[in-house]
Amino acid sequence: MPVLNLHRIFTPQSVAVIGGSKQAGSVGHTVLQNLTSGGFTGDIFPVNPKYEEINGMPCFRSVADLPSEIDMAVICTPAKTVPDIVRQCGEAGILGLVILSAGFREANEAGQILQAELADAQKSFDGMRIVGPNCLGVIAPHSALNASFAQAMPPKGHVAFISQSGALCTSVLDWAIQEQIGFSHFVSVGNMMDVGIADLIDYFDNDGHTESIILYVESVNEARDFMSASRVFTRNKPIIAYKAGRFAESAKAAASHTGAMAGVDSVYEAALARAGIVRVFEVDDLFDCAELLARQKVPHGPHLAIVTNAGGPGVMATDALLDRQGKLAQLTPETIQKLNGHLPAAWSHSNPVDVLGDAPPERYAVAVETVLADPTVDGVLVVLSPQAMTDPTAAAEAVIAAAKHTSKPLLAAWMGGGSVRAGIEHFNAAGIPTYSSPEKGVRAFMHLVSYGRNREVLYETPREVPLEFPLDRVKLRAVFDTILSEGHDILTENT
């Protein structure tokens, strides 16, 4: 039941907080605060036998005392109480559950038994969906829903973030708020006892607010469902993934906090590529791609134009581009002629377009507008190095105006510190992604180019196997029997 009743969790009309509390700093108190301060317009029902009211809201002694027709319950009580609470929710007709409580499979053997009890409790109620346990919660900005113990709500946007690490969720949230990056959903999946990554990809594929997914994954429970959902999604929308647990030691660490087995990394590497997913290996790249996806369109190709006021950063960007199999756009003679008419004679006369260190805002504007209009250009990276003759803020405003009507990706690398901060804020407000170095901007651009290449693979037809292809079933069976007898359940090139 991939998407059944997930609407109760992401677009609820009413939410019960089981374990809601007046105690500042507690999870139950934080969840209630987040729901009320985030602007949620549905009904909120705290449940806790200790209180008659919390923050002016009537507090109910038990789930059985709640009104009917409640869409979702957020459970933040001790782990040992959760299976019985799940049964009470089922009996009350509450079919969307988010379980924040920890102490299950990720903890110890007793926790594994407790999670099995939790699964048994769920099975008694058709259509019940559970996110968690052991998760941060869910956030849906378009529904003004912050059903989590994260500290804030990000702006509305079109990128969904799915994470097996609650801590990474809070880091991304903090960054998103600072940079004004919009998101459609934040989901901390925890132990994935029920709702898994594949379910969420299926749901977000049909969600009008979601145009891309950023994914932090340590393990995949249902490999076939994950591959199927991902391949459908990435035919039209990109998924960028950071797959952690690449080595035995880090995989062991992953198991210690979600109870998941990370698996053989080479298998994941091949599977992600085959599913059309772009894999990144640094969290910085995950953030940078999120910013680009939130603010720009996916490029049609790898041809990048670079506009810079300094030769060195232009060379740095070129090296980074070619190192990642990108291509410098070969500007047309018409573009070169037009630039000759507006730029000083000493400009570079090629790509990168060096507008020189004394470039006023108007020179940046005409260079950016001209290269964006060139049909050989798939995207533009604009670089500024603060110099005595440069006004970084005015230059940013000029670039924004010049790019106002383009459909091509435009990225900015305003290098430096305090002197460029105001310009960066102008770019953020205008929806233009900014990077601290040319290399970071190029990497983000090329990750999205990789998505385009991966998408092409999705449409490839596998080579036909000739009818006369020899197949020795006896030998093949012997090979598999040997592999299985040695305890292997995954085939690699070394098995």
Protein backbone atom coordinates (compact mmCIF):
# COMPACT_ATOMS: atom_id res chain seq x y z
CA MET A 1 0.00 0.00 0.00
CA PRO A 2 2.59 2.55 -1.18
CA VAL A 3 0.56 5.80 -0.94
CA LEU A 4 -2.58 4.65 0.87
CA ASN A 5 -3.60 7.15 3.54
CA LEU A 6 -0.35 9.14 3.36
CA HIS A 7 -2.51 12.20 2.73
CA ARG A 8 -3.60 11.89 6.37
CA ILE A 9 0.01 12.51 7.38
CA PHE A 10 0.95 15.29 4.94
CA THR A 11 -2.37 17.15 4.56
CA PRO A 12 -4.26 16.43 7.79
CA GLN A 13 -7.27 18.41 8.92
CA SER A 14 -6.76 17.40 12.54
CA VAL A 15 -3.78 16.26 14.64
CA ALA A 16 -3.62 14.61 18.05
CA VAL A 17 -0.37 14.98 20.01
CA ILE A 18 -0.15 11.98 22.32
CA GLY A 19 2.26 12.87 25.06
CA GLY A 20 1.72 16.62 24.64
CA SER A 21 3.23 18.47 27.57
CA LYS A 22 3.55 21.79 29.39
CA GLN A 23 7.15 21.00 30.28
CA ALA A 24 9.40 23.32 28.29
CA GLY A 25 12.12 21.44 26.43
CA SER A 26 10.21 18.16 26.26
CA VAL A 27 9.38 16.60 22.90
CA GLY A 28 5.64 16.79 23.60
CA HIS A 29 5.87 20.49 24.38
CA THR A 30 8.02 21.23 21.31
CA VAL A 31 5.65 19.43 18.93
CA LEU A 32 2.65 21.38 20.23
CA GLN A 33 4.58 24.64 19.96
CA ASN A 34 5.61 23.85 16.39
CA LEU A 35 2.07 23.01 15.33
CA THR A 36 0.58 26.18 16.78
CA SER A 37 3.37 28.59 15.83
CA GLY A 38 3.71 27.19 12.30
CA GLY A 39 0.27 28.40 11.32
CA PHE A 40 -1.51 25.03 11.09
CA THR A 41 -5.20 25.81 10.69
CA GLY A 42 -6.61 22.38 11.50
CA ASP A 43 -7.68 21.14 14.91
CA ILE A 44 -4.99 20.21 17.46
CA PHE A 45 -5.76 17.81 20.34
CA PRO A 46 -3.20 17.28 23.11
CA VAL A 47 -3.48 13.94 24.92
CA ASN A 48 -1.99 13.57 28.41
CA PRO A 49 -3.74 12.44 31.62
CA LYS A 50 -1.64 14.92 33.66
CA TYR A 51 -3.31 18.05 32.27
CA GLU A 52 -6.75 19.49 31.67
CA GLU A 53 -5.42 22.06 29.22
CA ILE A 54 -2.14 23.00 27.52
CA ASN A 55 -1.57 26.52 26.18
CA GLY A 56 -5.30 27.17 26.20
CA MET A 57 -6.16 23.94 24.34
CA PRO A 58 -8.31 21.32 26.08
CA CYS A 59 -6.18 18.28 26.92
CA PHE A 60 -7.70 14.77 26.73
CA ARG A 61 -6.90 12.02 29.18
CA SER A 62 -6.69 9.24 26.58
CA VAL A 63 -7.08 8.46 22.90
CA ALA A 64 -10.51 7.03 23.61
CA ASP A 65 -11.67 10.46 24.84
CA LEU A 66 -10.78 12.19 21.57
CA PRO A 67 -13.43 13.41 19.11
CA SER A 68 -13.99 11.30 16.03
CA GLU A 69 -12.56 11.96 12.56
CA ILE A 70 -8.95 12.70 13.50
CA ASP A 71 -6.52 12.27 10.61
CA MET A 72 -3.16 11.98 12.31
CA ALA A 73 -1.59 11.34 15.68
CA VAL A 74 1.95 12.27 16.69
CA ILE A 75 3.18 9.90 19.39
CA CYS A 76 5.92 11.10 21.72
CA THR A 77 5.57 8.81 24.75
CA PRO A 78 8.03 6.22 26.15
CA ALA A 79 8.66 3.30 23.78
CA LYS A 80 7.05 0.67 26.00
CA THR A 81 3.71 2.51 25.86
CA VAL A 82 3.61 2.87 22.08
CA PRO A 83 2.19 -0.52 20.94
CA ASP A 84 -0.86 -0.10 23.15
CA ILE A 85 -1.32 3.53 22.03
CA VAL A 86 -1.21 2.36 18.40
CA ARG A 87 -4.03 -0.11 19.16
CA GLN A 88 -6.03 2.70 20.79
CA CYS A 89 -5.49 4.90 17.73
CA GLY A 90 -6.69 2.12 15.44
CA GLU A 91 -9.80 1.59 17.51
CA ALA A 92 -10.45 5.35 17.37
CA GLY A 93 -10.11 5.35 13.56
CA ILE A 94 -6.85 7.34 13.50
CA LEU A 95 -4.97 5.88 10.54
CA GLY A 96 -2.03 8.30 10.11
CA LEU A 97 0.65 7.98 12.79
CA VAL A 98 4.05 9.63 13.27
CA ILE A 99 6.00 7.93 16.05
CA LEU A 100 8.82 10.07 17.41
CA SER A 101 9.62 7.75 20.32
CA ALA A 102 13.00 5.99 20.28
CA GLY A 103 14.03 2.73 21.93
CA PHE A 104 13.01 0.20 19.28
CA ARG A 105 15.01 -1.81 16.76
CA GLU A 106 17.88 0.67 16.83
CA ALA A 107 18.42 0.26 20.58
CA ASN A 108 18.90 -3.38 21.56
CA GLU A 109 17.29 -6.82 21.49
CA ALA A 110 14.47 -5.72 23.78
CA GLY A 111 13.81 -2.85 21.39
CA GLN A 112 13.60 -5.27 18.48
CA ILE A 113 10.94 -7.25 20.34
CA LEU A 114 9.08 -4.03 21.08
CA GLN A 115 9.13 -3.03 17.41
CA ALA A 116 7.74 -6.45 16.48
CA GLU A 117 4.88 -5.82 18.93
CA LEU A 118 4.35 -2.44 17.31
CA ALA A 119 4.13 -4.07 13.86
CA ASP A 120 1.61 -6.61 15.19
CA ALA A 121 -0.51 -3.79 16.60
CA GLN A 122 -0.56 -2.04 13.23
CA LYS A 123 -1.60 -5.19 11.34
CA SER A 124 -4.90 -5.23 13.17
CA PHE A 125 -6.07 -2.07 11.39
CA ASP A 126 -6.40 -1.95 7.61
CA GLY A 127 -4.98 1.19 6.06
CA MET A 128 -3.03 2.39 9.08
CA ARG A 129 0.22 4.11 8.07
CA ILE A 130 3.16 4.77 10.38
CA VAL A 131 6.17 7.05 9.89
CA GLY A 132 8.94 6.01 12.29
CA PRO A 133 9.44 5.03 15.01
CA ASN A 134 12.61 6.80 16.16
CA CYS A 135 12.20 9.80 13.87
CA LEU A 136 12.24 13.59 14.01
CA GLY A 137 8.79 13.89 12.44
CA VAL A 138 7.33 15.41 9.28
CA ILE A 139 7.07 18.97 7.98
CA ALA A 140 4.84 20.09 5.10
CA PRO A 141 5.20 23.87 4.58
CA HIS A 142 2.36 24.08 2.03
CA SER A 143 0.04 22.66 4.72
CA ALA A 144 1.62 24.86 7.43
CA LEU A 145 2.32 21.57 9.21
CA ASN A 146 5.31 21.14 11.50
CA ALA A 147 4.66 17.80 13.22
CA SER A 148 8.21 17.42 14.45
CA PHE A 149 10.56 18.48 17.21
CA ALA A 150 12.72 20.49 14.79
CA GLN A 151 12.95 24.12 15.74
CA ALA A 152 11.54 25.90 12.69
CA MET A 153 9.59 25.70 9.43
CA PRO A 154 11.36 26.25 6.09
CA PRO A 155 9.83 28.45 3.38
CA LYS A 156 7.39 26.90 0.90
CA GLY A 157 9.09 25.41 -2.14
CA HIS A 158 9.22 22.45 -4.51
CA VAL A 159 12.01 20.23 -3.14
CA ALA A 160 11.17 17.29 -0.87
CA PHE A 161 13.81 16.14 1.62
CA ILE A 162 13.75 12.53 2.85
CA SER A 163 16.29 11.51 5.46
CA GLN A 164 17.20 8.55 7.62
CA SER A 165 19.06 10.98 9.87
CA GLY A 166 17.01 13.33 12.00
CA ALA A 167 20.12 15.35 12.84
CA LEU A 168 20.78 16.00 9.16
CA CYS A 169 17.18 17.17 8.82
CA THR A 170 17.72 19.84 11.47
CA SER A 171 20.98 20.94 9.82
CA VAL A 172 19.32 21.27 6.41
CA LEU A 173 16.40 23.13 7.99
CA ASP A 174 18.71 25.63 9.67
CA TRP A 175 20.55 26.21 6.41
CA ALA A 176 17.32 26.46 4.38
CA ILE A 177 15.92 29.16 6.65
CA GLN A 178 19.15 31.17 6.51
CA GLU A 179 19.39 30.94 2.72
CA GLN A 180 15.62 31.19 2.16
CA ILE A 181 15.51 27.87 0.29
CA GLY A 182 11.98 26.55 -0.13
CA PHE A 183 10.87 22.94 0.45
CA SER A 184 7.65 21.05 -0.17
CA HIS A 185 8.23 18.42 2.53
CA PHE A 186 10.70 17.30 5.18
CA VAL A 187 10.41 13.68 6.29
CA SER A 188 12.56 11.94 8.87
CA VAL A 189 11.79 8.26 8.25
CA GLY A 190 13.51 6.76 11.32
CA ASN A 191 13.34 2.96 11.45
CA MET A 192 10.94 2.70 8.48
CA MET A 193 8.81 0.03 10.11
CA ASP A 194 6.00 0.85 7.67
CA VAL A 195 6.37 3.96 5.49
CA GLY A 196 9.63 3.64 3.60
CA ILE A 197 11.54 5.69 1.08
CA ALA A 198 9.80 4.03 -1.89
CA ASP A 199 6.37 4.92 -0.48
CA LEU A 200 7.40 8.55 -0.13
CA ILE A 201 8.87 8.74 -3.64
CA ASP A 202 5.59 7.33 -5.00
CA TYR A 203 3.59 9.88 -3.02
CA PHE A 204 5.76 12.85 -4.00
CA ASP A 205 5.63 11.83 -7.67
CA ASN A 206 1.92 12.68 -7.62
CA ASP A 207 2.27 15.69 -5.33
CA GLY A 208 1.75 18.98 -7.13
CA HIS A 209 4.15 20.83 -4.84
CA THR A 210 7.14 18.52 -5.36
CA GLU A 211 9.42 18.89 -8.38
CA SER A 212 12.53 17.15 -7.04
CA ILE A 213 13.76 15.05 -4.12
CA ILE A 214 16.89 15.28 -1.99
CA LEU A 215 17.59 11.98 -0.27
CA TYR A 216 19.87 10.95 2.59
CA VAL A 217 19.85 7.16 2.76
CA GLU A 218 21.70 4.56 4.78
CA SER A 219 19.69 1.50 3.77
CA VAL A 220 16.72 0.48 1.63
CA ASN A 221 14.18 -1.99 3.01
CA GLU A 222 12.30 -2.88 -0.15
CA ALA A 223 14.82 -2.78 -2.99
CA ARG A 224 12.40 -3.67 -5.79
CA ASP A 225 9.85 -1.06 -4.71
CA PHE A 226 12.60 1.55 -4.32
CA MET A 227 13.94 0.91 -7.82
CA SER A 228 10.48 0.97 -9.37
CA ALA A 229 9.37 4.16 -7.62
CA SER A 230 12.66 5.92 -8.37
CA ARG A 231 12.66 5.02 -12.05
CA VAL A 232 9.13 6.38 -12.46
CA PHE A 233 9.94 9.60 -10.58
CA THR A 234 13.24 10.33 -12.33
CA ARG A 235 11.73 10.08 -15.80
CA ASN A 236 10.38 13.58 -15.18
CA LYS A 237 11.88 14.91 -11.94
CA PRO A 238 15.38 14.61 -10.42
CA ILE A 239 16.43 12.75 -7.27
CA ILE A 240 19.79 13.64 -5.68
CA ALA A 241 21.01 11.11 -3.10
CA TYR A 242 23.72 10.95 -0.47
CA LYS A 243 24.22 7.26 0.31
CA ALA A 244 26.01 6.87 3.64
CA GLY A 245 27.62 3.74 5.06
CA ARG A 246 30.06 3.20 2.20
CA PHE A 247 32.53 1.26 4.33
CA ALA A 248 32.16 -1.52 6.89
CA GLU A 249 32.89 0.78 9.83
CA SER A 250 30.41 3.47 8.77
CA ALA A 251 27.78 0.84 7.93
CA LYS A 252 28.10 -0.44 11.50
CA ALA A 253 27.58 3.10 12.79
CA ALA A 254 24.45 3.41 10.62
CA ALA A 255 23.01 0.24 12.14
CA SER A 256 23.53 1.64 15.62
CA HIS A 257 21.13 4.55 15.18
CA THR A 258 18.42 3.21 12.84
CA GLY A 259 18.92 -0.53 13.20
CA ALA A 260 19.41 -0.78 9.44
CA MET A 261 21.97 -2.74 7.47
CA ALA A 262 23.68 -0.42 5.02
CA GLY A 263 24.56 -3.10 2.48
CA VAL A 264 27.32 -3.45 -0.11
CA ASP A 265 28.12 0.01 -1.46
CA SER A 266 28.98 -1.14 -4.99
CA VAL A 267 25.48 -2.60 -5.28
CA TYR A 268 23.95 0.71 -4.21
CA GLU A 269 26.20 2.60 -6.63
CA ALA A 270 24.94 0.57 -9.58
CA ALA A 271 21.32 0.57 -8.40
CA LEU A 272 21.15 4.34 -7.89
CA ALA A 273 22.55 5.00 -11.35
CA ARG A 274 20.16 2.48 -12.94
CA ALA A 275 17.25 4.16 -11.16
CA GLY A 276 18.21 7.54 -12.65
CA ILE A 277 19.35 8.93 -9.30
CA VAL A 278 22.36 11.27 -9.07
CA ARG A 279 24.64 10.29 -6.20
CA VAL A 280 26.76 12.84 -4.34
CA PHE A 281 29.52 12.07 -1.87
CA GLU A 282 29.63 15.21 0.27
CA VAL A 283 26.88 16.85 2.30
CA ASP A 284 27.95 20.21 0.83
CA ASP A 285 27.00 18.88 -2.60
CA LEU A 286 23.62 17.80 -1.24
CA PHE A 287 23.00 21.35 0.01
CA ASP A 288 24.29 22.92 -3.21
CA CYS A 289 22.08 20.70 -5.37
CA ALA A 290 19.09 21.46 -3.16
CA GLU A 291 19.62 25.17 -3.71
CA LEU A 292 19.96 24.77 -7.46
CA LEU A 293 16.91 22.50 -7.72
CA ALA A 294 14.85 24.87 -5.60
CA ARG A 295 15.67 27.87 -7.74
CA GLN A 296 16.55 26.86 -11.30
CA LYS A 297 15.55 24.52 -14.11
CA VAL A 298 17.53 21.41 -15.00
CA PRO A 299 20.01 22.26 -17.79
CA HIS A 300 19.47 20.76 -21.25
CA GLY A 301 23.15 19.94 -21.65
CA PRO A 302 26.68 20.29 -20.23
CA HIS A 303 27.72 23.49 -22.04
CA LEU A 304 28.48 26.19 -19.47
CA ALA A 305 29.38 29.82 -20.05
CA ILE A 306 31.45 31.55 -17.37
CA VAL A 307 31.37 35.32 -16.81
CA THR A 308 34.03 36.61 -14.42
CA ASN A 309 35.86 39.78 -13.43
CA ALA A 310 39.11 37.90 -12.71
CA GLY A 311 41.12 35.41 -14.76
CA GLY A 312 42.07 33.07 -11.91
CA PRO A 313 38.52 32.16 -10.82
CA GLY A 314 37.62 31.63 -14.49
CA VAL A 315 40.44 29.11 -14.80
CA MET A 316 39.33 27.42 -11.57
CA ALA A 317 35.79 27.09 -12.89
CA THR A 318 37.05 25.72 -16.21
CA ASP A 319 39.20 23.09 -14.50
CA ALA A 320 36.28 22.02 -12.33
CA LEU A 321 33.98 21.83 -15.36
CA LEU A 322 36.29 19.76 -17.54
CA ASP A 323 37.24 17.52 -14.62
CA ARG A 324 33.56 16.52 -14.37
CA GLN A 325 33.11 15.92 -18.11
CA GLY A 326 31.38 19.24 -18.63
CA LYS A 327 32.03 21.42 -21.65
CA LEU A 328 32.86 25.08 -22.13
CA ALA A 329 30.21 26.57 -24.37
CA GLN A 330 31.73 27.60 -27.71
CA LEU A 331 30.24 31.06 -28.14
CA THR A 332 28.90 31.82 -31.62
CA PRO A 333 30.58 34.49 -33.79
CA GLU A 334 27.46 36.62 -33.32
CA THR A 335 27.85 36.48 -29.54
CA ILE A 336 31.54 37.37 -29.75
CA GLN A 337 30.75 40.29 -32.08
CA LYS A 338 28.08 41.62 -29.73
CA LEU A 339 30.41 41.36 -26.72
CA ASN A 340 33.11 43.19 -28.71
CA GLY A 341 30.71 46.07 -29.08
CA HIS A 342 30.12 46.41 -25.33
CA LEU A 343 33.26 45.22 -23.53
CA PRO A 344 36.73 46.81 -23.38
CA ALA A 345 39.19 45.70 -26.04
CA ALA A 346 41.18 43.76 -23.42
CA TRP A 347 38.33 41.33 -22.61
CA SER A 348 39.12 37.63 -23.09
CA HIS A 349 37.34 37.27 -26.49
CA SER A 350 36.30 33.73 -25.53
CA ASN A 351 34.65 31.67 -22.84
CA PRO A 352 35.32 32.25 -19.91
CA VAL A 353 34.16 35.80 -20.57
CA ASP A 354 36.55 37.95 -18.51
CA VAL A 355 34.90 41.36 -18.13
CA LEU A 356 38.02 42.64 -16.29
CA GLY A 357 38.58 43.73 -12.71
CA ASP A 358 37.15 47.22 -13.11
CA ALA A 359 33.83 45.95 -14.46
CA PRO A 360 30.89 48.19 -13.49
CA PRO A 361 27.45 46.65 -13.01
CA GLU A 362 26.45 47.54 -16.59
CA ARG A 363 29.32 45.49 -18.01
CA TYR A 364 28.22 42.44 -15.99
CA ALA A 365 24.64 42.92 -17.18
CA VAL A 366 25.42 43.06 -20.89
CA ALA A 367 27.80 40.09 -20.70
CA VAL A 368 25.29 37.90 -18.84
CA GLU A 369 22.38 38.88 -21.07
CA THR A 370 24.42 38.22 -24.21
CA VAL A 371 25.76 34.78 -23.28
CA LEU A 372 22.35 33.66 -22.01
CA ALA A 373 20.96 34.41 -25.46
CA ASP A 374 23.60 32.26 -27.16
CA PRO A 375 22.01 28.98 -28.43
CA THR A 376 25.18 27.00 -27.61
CA VAL A 377 24.91 27.86 -23.90
CA ASP A 378 23.04 25.52 -21.51
CA GLY A 379 23.79 27.48 -18.33
CA VAL A 380 25.80 30.43 -17.00
CA LEU A 381 28.04 30.76 -13.96
CA VAL A 382 28.73 34.38 -12.96
CA VAL A 383 31.79 34.93 -10.76
CA LEU A 384 32.77 38.04 -8.82
CA SER A 385 35.99 38.63 -6.93
CA PRO A 386 35.70 41.80 -4.78
CA GLN A 387 38.13 44.45 -5.96
CA ALA A 388 38.56 48.12 -5.21
CA MET A 389 36.72 49.11 -8.41
CA THR A 390 33.89 46.58 -7.88
CA ASP A 391 30.50 47.10 -6.27
CA PRO A 392 29.36 43.51 -5.46
CA THR A 393 25.83 44.57 -4.49
CA ALA A 394 25.19 46.69 -7.58
CA ALA A 395 26.74 43.99 -9.78
CA ALA A 396 24.34 41.40 -8.28
CA GLU A 397 21.37 43.66 -8.95
CA ALA A 398 22.50 44.11 -12.56
CA VAL A 399 22.89 40.36 -13.10
CA ILE A 400 19.44 39.71 -11.63
CA ALA A 401 17.85 42.21 -14.00
CA ALA A 402 19.75 40.81 -17.01
CA ALA A 403 18.59 37.26 -16.28
CA LYS A 404 15.00 38.10 -15.49
CA HIS A 405 13.47 36.42 -18.55
CA THR A 406 15.80 33.47 -19.13
CA SER A 407 14.79 29.83 -18.80
CA LYS A 408 18.41 28.67 -18.55
CA PRO A 409 20.10 27.94 -15.20
CA LEU A 410 22.05 30.91 -13.82
CA LEU A 411 24.42 30.42 -10.88
CA ALA A 412 26.49 32.98 -8.99
CA ALA A 413 29.79 32.65 -7.14
CA TRP A 414 30.27 35.87 -5.20
CA MET A 415 33.63 35.14 -3.60
CA GLY A 416 34.62 36.67 -0.30
CA GLY A 417 33.07 37.57 3.03
CA GLY A 418 31.33 40.63 4.39
CA SER A 419 31.77 42.78 1.29
CA VAL A 420 29.75 40.38 -0.88
CA ARG A 421 27.09 39.41 1.68
CA ALA A 422 24.52 42.01 0.58
CA GLY A 423 24.87 40.89 -3.04
CA ILE A 424 24.33 37.27 -2.02
CA GLU A 425 21.17 38.25 -0.15
CA HIS A 426 19.89 39.97 -3.30
CA PHE A 427 20.51 36.76 -5.27
CA ASN A 428 18.72 34.69 -2.62
CA ALA A 429 15.69 36.97 -2.77
CA ALA A 430 15.67 36.72 -6.57
CA GLY A 431 15.87 32.91 -6.57
CA ILE A 432 19.39 32.68 -8.00
CA PRO A 433 21.59 30.08 -6.26
CA THR A 434 24.89 31.34 -4.89
CA TYR A 435 28.09 29.47 -4.08
CA SER A 436 31.19 30.42 -2.13
CA SER A 437 33.55 29.28 -4.89
CA PRO A 438 33.42 28.69 -8.66
CA GLU A 439 34.13 24.97 -8.15
CA LYS A 440 31.06 24.50 -5.96
CA GLY A 441 28.85 26.17 -8.53
CA VAL A 442 30.26 23.99 -11.29
CA ARG A 443 29.76 20.82 -9.22
CA ALA A 444 26.10 21.66 -8.61
CA PHE A 445 25.57 22.38 -12.32
CA MET A 446 27.22 19.11 -13.34
CA HIS A 447 25.20 17.05 -10.86
CA LEU A 448 22.06 18.20 -12.63
CA VAL A 449 23.66 17.50 -16.00
CA SER A 450 24.30 13.97 -14.69
CA TYR A 451 20.60 13.65 -13.94
CA GLY A 452 19.87 14.42 -17.59
CA ARG A 453 22.32 11.72 -18.67
CA ASN A 454 20.87 9.21 -16.21
CA ARG A 455 17.38 9.97 -17.47
CA GLU A 456 18.45 9.02 -20.99
CA VAL A 457 19.56 5.62 -19.69
CA LEU A 458 16.06 5.02 -18.32
CA TYR A 459 14.72 5.00 -21.88
CA GLU A 460 17.36 2.66 -23.26
CA THR A 461 16.12 -0.71 -24.44
CA PRO A 462 18.22 -3.64 -23.14
CA ARG A 463 20.09 -5.56 -25.79
CA GLU A 464 18.22 -8.56 -27.09
CA VAL A 465 19.55 -11.99 -26.20
CA PRO A 466 19.67 -14.21 -29.32
CA LEU A 467 17.46 -17.27 -29.27
CA GLU A 468 20.48 -19.52 -29.73
CA PHE A 469 22.20 -18.08 -26.64
CA PRO A 470 23.78 -21.11 -24.89
CA LEU A 471 22.60 -21.60 -21.32
CA ASP A 472 23.92 -24.44 -19.20
CA ARG A 473 21.35 -24.59 -16.42
CA VAL A 474 23.22 -27.33 -14.52
CA LYS A 475 26.40 -25.25 -14.31
CA LEU A 476 24.44 -22.11 -13.45
CA ARG A 477 22.64 -23.90 -10.61
CA ALA A 478 25.99 -25.18 -9.30
CA VAL A 479 27.40 -21.64 -9.25
CA PHE A 480 24.42 -20.30 -7.30
CA ASP A 481 24.47 -23.21 -4.86
CA THR A 482 28.13 -22.52 -4.13
CA ILE A 483 27.54 -18.81 -3.60
CA LEU A 484 24.60 -19.42 -1.27
CA SER A 485 26.49 -22.08 0.70
CA GLU A 486 29.23 -19.51 1.38
CA GLY A 487 26.68 -17.19 2.97
CA HIS A 488 26.49 -14.62 0.15
CA ASP A 489 23.13 -13.09 -0.75
CA ILE A 490 24.40 -10.33 -3.04
CA LEU A 491 26.26 -10.88 -6.30
CA THR A 492 29.22 -8.61 -7.00
CA GLU A 493 32.12 -8.83 -9.42
CA ASN A 494 34.17 -10.39 -6.60
CA THR A 495 31.62 -12.94 -5.34
